Amino acid sequence: MVKKILKVIILVFILVIIFSFYMANRMDVFRTLTAQTPDVCSVLPMNGSAEDIKIDYERGLAYLSLEDRAALIKGEDVQGTVVQINLNKSPYELKPALSQQPDHLRPHGISLYIDNNGQRHLGVINHPKNRDLGTETVELFSEGISGLFNYQKTVKDNTFKSPNALVLVAQDKFYLGNDKGAETMFGKIQEQLGRPMSSIAYFNGNSVVIAAKNLSQVSGINVSNNQEYLFASETTAKRIAVFSIDAENGELNKLETIKISGSPDNINITDKGDIIVAAIPKVIALIQHFISFQKEEVIPAPSQILRLKWEFGSHGSKTRIDELFLSTGDDFSTASVGTIWKNRLFMGSIDDKKLLICDL
């Protein structure tokens, strides 16, 4: 009897050790970072952080999802907005992008769409004050004569579980990535352990359907310039999911996944078709960063930006991955988005109140 009990104790101990190593590996505890940053970088201070950035390549305008998220993390009641930067004029200056906005706006992911007539349209994920009880919405805007965006309508649906990123594919059609999907406590535990429960919703202008499911925390989403392919960040799985798009009904067909070195966040597509991905290079450092806010002693978190050159043809796909930026966070903390304009890398953050702009 004693021997059986001893065997059970040893087995439990071994399982605990295995599980601990599994979780430590998921959080990049054993990863060592070697900084790789461009030689010339500059900072544009802001009164909030730009969690997402979209560039109008025809006009040279950048649109930023701006909010004081550092204050939000501390529990303060803050509101955000969308601002623009004319990239053709130096020094860069933040200006309003919206002529009007809802009374409550806590923007997350944003998307810019240019229709066949050259009309600009903007989609903005808007989080409620209480995300456990409130309604998640997407606010749609269209550009007015003044060049600012006028509010058009609000879209809400019970499939918007935990929206993080969206991409407009028409004036009033979009894909939306939910970074969480579990509804029960047991399900949330499974999700944290790696079970894929995230989804992509598709709004066709009238109703919403689930276009893809069983994904691992969709935190970024975008489409190729020809709108034939959709790319989605699976953050906890450290990969990018690639789908083909059915132009008739918006259905998604999964083609493959691309493994990357970090946990991917927002995705941008340049005018040349390059895929720019912001990634979390060390999850444990990000967790420590958020915990430090509660102690009023902020510990920076690492930042990483990758460039993917992806091609798909009759003989399959081909991917090249280049690391454009990697730092321990002292210069720029918690990068959530990267994009390129005329060989310059623009980086926004979850909570760092600045843009970092580097010459490539």
Protein backbone atom coordinates (compact mmCIF):
# COMPACT_ATOMS: atom_id res chain seq x y z
CA MET A 1 0.00 0.00 0.00
CA VAL A 2 2.80 2.41 0.90
CA LYS A 3 4.56 1.63 -2.37
CA LYS A 4 1.40 2.39 -4.35
CA ILE A 5 0.96 5.71 -2.57
CA LEU A 6 4.62 6.53 -3.21
CA LYS A 7 4.21 5.72 -6.91
CA VAL A 8 1.18 7.99 -7.12
CA ILE A 9 3.07 10.84 -5.40
CA ILE A 10 6.03 10.41 -7.76
CA LEU A 11 3.70 10.34 -10.79
CA VAL A 12 1.91 13.50 -9.64
CA PHE A 13 5.27 15.20 -9.04
CA ILE A 14 6.46 14.27 -12.53
CA LEU A 15 3.22 15.56 -14.08
CA VAL A 16 3.55 18.84 -12.17
CA ILE A 17 7.13 19.23 -13.42
CA ILE A 18 6.08 18.48 -17.03
CA PHE A 19 3.17 20.92 -16.81
CA SER A 20 5.40 23.61 -15.30
CA PHE A 21 7.91 23.26 -18.13
CA TYR A 22 5.05 23.33 -20.66
CA MET A 23 3.65 26.59 -19.29
CA ALA A 24 7.12 28.12 -18.90
CA ASN A 25 7.85 27.31 -22.53
CA ARG A 26 4.51 28.82 -23.64
CA MET A 27 5.42 32.04 -21.82
CA ASP A 28 8.96 32.14 -23.32
CA VAL A 29 10.64 31.89 -19.92
CA PHE A 30 13.67 30.17 -21.45
CA ARG A 31 14.01 32.52 -24.42
CA THR A 32 16.99 34.88 -24.52
CA LEU A 33 16.53 38.06 -26.54
CA THR A 34 19.29 39.68 -28.57
CA ALA A 35 18.39 43.25 -29.51
CA GLN A 36 18.34 44.09 -33.21
CA THR A 37 17.23 47.63 -33.96
CA PRO A 38 17.81 50.09 -36.82
CA ASP A 39 20.58 52.65 -36.32
CA VAL A 40 18.37 55.72 -36.73
CA CYS A 41 15.10 55.99 -34.77
CA SER A 42 13.06 58.92 -33.49
CA VAL A 43 10.18 59.32 -31.05
CA LEU A 44 6.87 61.10 -31.52
CA PRO A 45 5.39 61.70 -28.02
CA MET A 46 1.61 61.37 -27.66
CA ASN A 47 -1.00 61.66 -24.92
CA GLY A 48 -1.98 58.04 -25.44
CA SER A 49 -0.82 54.87 -27.16
CA ALA A 50 -1.51 53.81 -30.75
CA GLU A 51 -2.57 50.18 -30.43
CA ASP A 52 -3.28 50.03 -34.18
CA ILE A 53 -2.13 52.02 -37.21
CA LYS A 54 -3.40 52.03 -40.80
CA ILE A 55 -1.78 53.89 -43.71
CA ASP A 56 -3.48 55.43 -46.75
CA TYR A 57 -0.66 54.83 -49.25
CA GLU A 58 -2.28 56.90 -52.01
CA ARG A 59 -2.38 60.05 -49.86
CA GLY A 60 0.38 59.39 -47.34
CA LEU A 61 -1.83 59.58 -44.28
CA ALA A 62 -1.56 57.41 -41.18
CA TYR A 63 -4.56 56.72 -38.92
CA LEU A 64 -3.98 55.80 -35.29
CA SER A 65 -6.22 54.17 -32.68
CA LEU A 66 -5.35 56.52 -29.82
CA GLU A 67 -6.19 56.06 -26.15
CA ASP A 68 -4.47 56.42 -22.79
CA ARG A 69 -4.36 52.66 -22.25
CA ALA A 70 -1.82 52.97 -19.44
CA ALA A 71 -4.50 54.82 -17.47
CA LEU A 72 -7.09 52.27 -18.59
CA ILE A 73 -4.96 49.42 -17.22
CA LYS A 74 -4.90 51.24 -13.88
CA GLY A 75 -8.70 51.30 -13.88
CA GLU A 76 -9.26 54.93 -14.82
CA ASP A 77 -12.29 55.95 -16.90
CA VAL A 78 -10.78 57.19 -20.15
CA GLN A 79 -12.00 57.75 -23.69
CA GLY A 80 -10.11 57.47 -26.94
CA THR A 81 -10.34 58.59 -30.53
CA VAL A 82 -8.80 58.15 -33.98
CA VAL A 83 -6.17 60.65 -35.13
CA GLN A 84 -4.25 61.15 -38.35
CA ILE A 85 -0.70 62.09 -39.35
CA ASN A 86 0.25 63.59 -42.70
CA LEU A 87 3.38 61.58 -43.51
CA ASN A 88 4.29 64.01 -46.30
CA LYS A 89 4.93 66.84 -43.85
CA SER A 90 7.70 67.07 -41.30
CA PRO A 91 7.70 67.35 -38.35
CA TYR A 92 4.85 64.91 -37.89
CA GLU A 93 1.76 66.27 -36.17
CA LEU A 94 -1.29 64.52 -34.72
CA LYS A 95 -4.64 65.84 -35.93
CA PRO A 96 -8.25 64.66 -35.46
CA ALA A 97 -9.49 62.11 -38.00
CA LEU A 98 -13.16 62.09 -36.94
CA SER A 99 -15.63 64.93 -37.41
CA GLN A 100 -17.86 63.30 -34.80
CA GLN A 101 -17.76 60.18 -32.70
CA PRO A 102 -19.93 58.30 -30.22
CA ASP A 103 -20.07 59.69 -26.67
CA HIS A 104 -18.29 56.53 -25.55
CA LEU A 105 -15.29 55.41 -27.61
CA ARG A 106 -12.61 53.03 -26.45
CA PRO A 107 -11.00 52.11 -29.79
CA HIS A 108 -9.01 48.94 -30.36
CA GLY A 109 -8.40 47.62 -33.87
CA ILE A 110 -9.15 49.92 -36.82
CA SER A 111 -9.38 49.38 -40.57
CA LEU A 112 -9.26 51.66 -43.62
CA TYR A 113 -11.04 50.78 -46.89
CA ILE A 114 -10.89 52.70 -50.19
CA ASP A 115 -13.73 51.93 -52.60
CA ASN A 116 -13.65 52.03 -56.40
CA ASN A 117 -14.65 55.71 -56.37
CA GLY A 118 -11.78 56.67 -54.11
CA GLN A 119 -14.08 57.14 -51.12
CA ARG A 120 -12.45 56.35 -47.78
CA HIS A 121 -14.21 54.32 -45.09
CA LEU A 122 -13.09 53.57 -41.55
CA GLY A 123 -14.06 50.77 -39.16
CA VAL A 124 -13.32 50.98 -35.42
CA ILE A 125 -13.76 48.34 -32.71
CA ASN A 126 -15.37 50.04 -29.70
CA HIS A 127 -15.14 48.36 -26.29
CA PRO A 128 -17.77 49.01 -23.60
CA LYS A 129 -16.82 50.37 -20.21
CA ASN A 130 -17.49 46.99 -18.62
CA ARG A 131 -16.32 44.32 -21.04
CA ASP A 132 -17.84 41.51 -19.00
CA LEU A 133 -21.35 42.97 -19.15
CA GLY A 134 -21.39 45.60 -21.90
CA THR A 135 -21.95 45.25 -25.64
CA GLU A 136 -19.00 45.13 -28.03
CA THR A 137 -19.56 47.17 -31.20
CA VAL A 138 -17.96 48.19 -34.47
CA GLU A 139 -18.35 51.85 -35.44
CA LEU A 140 -18.40 52.63 -39.18
CA PHE A 141 -17.37 56.02 -40.61
CA SER A 142 -17.09 57.48 -44.12
CA GLU A 143 -14.96 60.40 -45.23
CA GLY A 144 -16.71 63.74 -45.67
CA ILE A 145 -15.91 66.77 -47.79
CA SER A 146 -13.68 68.16 -45.03
CA GLY A 147 -11.44 65.09 -45.18
CA LEU A 148 -12.61 64.02 -41.74
CA PHE A 149 -14.65 60.86 -41.14
CA ASN A 150 -18.36 61.15 -40.40
CA TYR A 151 -20.13 58.58 -38.25
CA GLN A 152 -22.39 56.26 -40.28
CA LYS A 153 -23.64 53.44 -38.09
CA THR A 154 -22.94 50.99 -35.30
CA VAL A 155 -22.80 47.23 -35.84
CA LYS A 156 -23.24 44.84 -32.92
CA ASP A 157 -23.79 41.12 -32.72
CA ASN A 158 -23.57 38.38 -30.10
CA THR A 159 -20.73 36.80 -32.11
CA PHE A 160 -18.55 39.77 -31.13
CA LYS A 161 -17.27 37.96 -28.04
CA SER A 162 -13.92 39.65 -27.48
CA PRO A 163 -13.12 41.67 -30.63
CA ASN A 164 -9.49 42.64 -31.08
CA ALA A 165 -8.95 43.36 -34.78
CA LEU A 166 -11.00 43.91 -37.92
CA VAL A 167 -10.55 44.48 -41.64
CA LEU A 168 -13.04 46.20 -43.93
CA VAL A 169 -13.49 44.53 -47.34
CA ALA A 170 -16.22 46.93 -48.46
CA GLN A 171 -17.91 50.05 -47.12
CA ASP A 172 -20.08 47.99 -44.76
CA LYS A 173 -18.56 44.52 -44.87
CA PHE A 174 -15.80 43.31 -42.59
CA TYR A 175 -14.07 40.41 -40.88
CA LEU A 176 -13.58 40.61 -37.13
CA GLY A 177 -11.19 38.59 -34.99
CA ASN A 178 -12.23 37.53 -31.48
CA ASP A 179 -9.20 36.97 -29.25
CA LYS A 180 -11.23 34.84 -26.82
CA GLY A 181 -14.08 32.38 -27.21
CA ALA A 182 -14.58 30.52 -23.95
CA GLU A 183 -17.66 31.38 -21.91
CA THR A 184 -17.36 29.08 -18.88
CA MET A 185 -14.62 29.09 -16.24
CA PHE A 186 -13.55 25.61 -17.31
CA GLY A 187 -13.44 26.74 -20.92
CA LYS A 188 -11.34 29.78 -20.00
CA ILE A 189 -8.85 27.53 -18.23
CA GLN A 190 -8.66 25.28 -21.31
CA GLU A 191 -8.16 28.33 -23.50
CA GLN A 192 -5.28 29.56 -21.35
CA LEU A 193 -3.71 26.12 -21.61
CA GLY A 194 -3.74 26.34 -25.38
CA ARG A 195 -7.08 24.98 -26.58
CA PRO A 196 -8.07 26.94 -29.74
CA MET A 197 -11.45 28.55 -29.06
CA SER A 198 -11.13 31.87 -30.89
CA SER A 199 -13.06 32.79 -34.05
CA ILE A 200 -13.38 35.14 -37.02
CA ALA A 201 -16.80 36.71 -37.63
CA TYR A 202 -17.92 38.07 -41.02
CA PHE A 203 -20.44 40.90 -41.42
CA ASN A 204 -21.88 40.88 -44.95
CA GLY A 205 -23.67 44.22 -44.62
CA ASN A 206 -26.83 42.69 -43.17
CA SER A 207 -25.95 39.85 -40.82
CA VAL A 208 -23.00 38.19 -39.10
CA VAL A 209 -21.76 34.62 -39.52
CA ILE A 210 -18.75 32.79 -38.09
CA ALA A 211 -16.31 32.43 -40.98
CA ALA A 212 -13.60 30.52 -39.08
CA LYS A 213 -13.33 28.96 -35.64
CA ASN A 214 -11.02 26.84 -33.48
CA LEU A 215 -8.25 29.44 -33.68
CA SER A 216 -5.78 30.38 -30.95
CA GLN A 217 -6.48 33.97 -29.87
CA VAL A 218 -6.95 36.08 -32.99
CA SER A 219 -5.27 39.41 -32.19
CA GLY A 220 -4.57 40.64 -35.71
CA ILE A 221 -6.30 40.31 -39.06
CA ASN A 222 -5.86 41.70 -42.57
CA VAL A 223 -6.37 40.84 -46.23
CA SER A 224 -4.03 40.85 -49.21
CA ASN A 225 -4.19 43.85 -51.51
CA ASN A 226 -6.17 41.85 -54.08
CA GLN A 227 -8.53 40.60 -51.33
CA GLU A 228 -7.91 36.98 -52.28
CA TYR A 229 -6.32 35.98 -48.97
CA LEU A 230 -6.88 36.71 -45.30
CA PHE A 231 -4.16 36.55 -42.65
CA ALA A 232 -4.96 36.10 -38.95
CA SER A 233 -2.64 36.15 -35.94
CA GLU A 234 -2.98 33.13 -33.69
CA THR A 235 -1.23 34.71 -30.74
CA THR A 236 -1.01 31.85 -28.27
CA ALA A 237 0.03 29.39 -31.00
CA LYS A 238 2.80 31.69 -32.33
CA ARG A 239 1.61 31.44 -35.92
CA ILE A 240 -0.24 33.21 -38.73
CA ALA A 241 -3.27 31.43 -40.21
CA VAL A 242 -3.75 31.93 -43.96
CA PHE A 243 -7.18 31.66 -45.60
CA SER A 244 -8.46 32.01 -49.15
CA ILE A 245 -11.55 34.23 -49.48
CA ASP A 246 -14.64 33.27 -51.45
CA ALA A 247 -15.53 36.54 -53.18
CA GLU A 248 -19.17 35.49 -53.62
CA ASN A 249 -20.13 34.82 -50.03
CA GLY A 250 -17.11 35.78 -47.91
CA GLU A 251 -16.44 32.22 -46.76
CA LEU A 252 -12.90 31.43 -45.60
CA ASN A 253 -10.95 28.32 -46.55
CA LYS A 254 -7.86 27.64 -44.46
CA LEU A 255 -4.77 27.08 -46.58
CA GLU A 256 -1.92 26.85 -44.07
CA THR A 257 -0.27 28.31 -40.99
CA ILE A 258 3.06 30.13 -40.80
CA LYS A 259 5.11 29.66 -37.63
CA ILE A 260 6.92 32.74 -36.32
CA SER A 261 9.35 33.39 -33.48
CA GLY A 262 7.00 35.45 -31.30
CA SER A 263 3.32 35.71 -30.39
CA PRO A 264 1.76 37.74 -33.23
CA ASP A 265 -0.47 40.76 -32.70
CA ASN A 266 -1.63 43.26 -35.34
CA ILE A 267 -1.00 42.65 -39.05
CA ASN A 268 -0.49 45.29 -41.73
CA ILE A 269 -0.12 44.88 -45.49
CA THR A 270 2.12 47.40 -47.28
CA ASP A 271 1.53 48.84 -50.73
CA LYS A 272 4.10 46.31 -51.98
CA GLY A 273 2.18 43.42 -50.44
CA ASP A 274 4.58 42.74 -47.57
CA ILE A 275 3.02 41.44 -44.35
CA ILE A 276 4.18 43.42 -41.30
CA VAL A 277 3.52 41.67 -37.99
CA ALA A 278 4.04 43.01 -34.48
CA ALA A 279 4.82 40.19 -32.05
CA ILE A 280 5.28 39.59 -28.34
CA PRO A 281 8.78 38.09 -28.13
CA LYS A 282 8.51 37.12 -24.46
CA VAL A 283 5.06 36.61 -22.96
CA ILE A 284 6.28 36.36 -19.36
CA ALA A 285 7.84 39.82 -19.70
CA LEU A 286 4.52 41.25 -20.92
CA ILE A 287 2.73 39.72 -17.94
CA GLN A 288 5.32 41.19 -15.56
CA HIS A 289 4.88 44.54 -17.31
CA PHE A 290 1.13 44.61 -16.68
CA ILE A 291 1.56 43.49 -13.06
CA SER A 292 4.06 46.30 -12.49
CA PHE A 293 1.35 48.89 -13.30
CA GLN A 294 -0.44 47.96 -10.11
CA LYS A 295 2.72 48.73 -8.14
CA GLU A 296 3.34 52.09 -9.84
CA GLU A 297 6.71 50.74 -10.94
CA VAL A 298 6.52 50.12 -14.66
CA ILE A 299 8.79 47.42 -16.06
CA PRO A 300 9.21 47.72 -19.88
CA ALA A 301 8.20 44.77 -22.06
CA PRO A 302 10.06 43.65 -25.22
CA SER A 303 8.98 44.63 -28.73
CA GLN A 304 9.32 42.78 -32.02
CA ILE A 305 8.37 43.57 -35.63
CA LEU A 306 8.60 41.00 -38.44
CA ARG A 307 8.22 41.31 -42.21
CA LEU A 308 6.80 38.34 -44.10
CA LYS A 309 7.03 37.99 -47.86
CA TRP A 310 4.41 35.37 -48.73
CA GLU A 311 3.52 33.96 -52.14
CA PHE A 312 1.00 31.31 -53.12
CA GLY A 313 0.97 29.57 -56.48
CA SER A 314 0.20 26.28 -58.22
CA HIS A 315 3.14 24.62 -56.45
CA GLY A 316 2.14 25.78 -52.98
CA SER A 317 3.31 28.65 -50.81
CA LYS A 318 6.65 30.29 -50.15
CA THR A 319 7.44 32.48 -47.13
CA ARG A 320 10.44 34.59 -46.20
CA ILE A 321 10.59 36.13 -42.71
CA ASP A 322 12.84 39.07 -41.78
CA GLU A 323 13.15 40.55 -38.31
CA LEU A 324 12.99 44.34 -38.63
CA PHE A 325 13.04 45.23 -34.96
CA LEU A 326 13.69 43.48 -31.65
CA SER A 327 14.37 45.22 -28.36
CA THR A 328 14.07 44.48 -24.66
CA GLY A 329 11.62 47.37 -24.33
CA ASP A 330 13.79 50.13 -22.86
CA ASP A 331 13.49 52.18 -26.07
CA PHE A 332 9.96 51.10 -26.96
CA SER A 333 7.74 48.90 -24.82
CA THR A 334 4.84 46.57 -25.74
CA ALA A 335 4.82 47.10 -29.52
CA SER A 336 1.41 46.05 -30.86
CA VAL A 337 1.63 47.22 -34.47
CA GLY A 338 4.17 48.02 -37.15
CA THR A 339 3.82 49.44 -40.63
CA ILE A 340 6.10 50.85 -43.33
CA TRP A 341 5.96 54.10 -45.29
CA LYS A 342 8.77 54.93 -47.73
CA ASN A 343 11.32 52.70 -46.01
CA ARG A 344 10.41 53.98 -42.57
CA LEU A 345 9.07 51.69 -39.88
CA PHE A 346 6.28 53.15 -37.72
CA MET A 347 5.52 51.34 -34.48
CA GLY A 348 2.59 51.72 -32.10
CA SER A 349 2.20 50.21 -28.64
CA ILE A 350 -0.31 48.74 -26.24
CA ASP A 351 0.45 51.36 -23.59
CA ASP A 352 3.67 53.25 -24.44
CA LYS A 353 2.64 56.86 -25.11
CA LYS A 354 4.66 57.43 -28.25
CA LEU A 355 5.34 56.32 -31.78
CA LEU A 356 8.76 54.94 -32.59
CA ILE A 357 9.86 55.72 -36.13
CA CYS A 358 12.94 54.01 -37.55
CA ASP A 359 14.76 54.27 -40.87
CA LEU A 360 15.16 50.82 -42.41
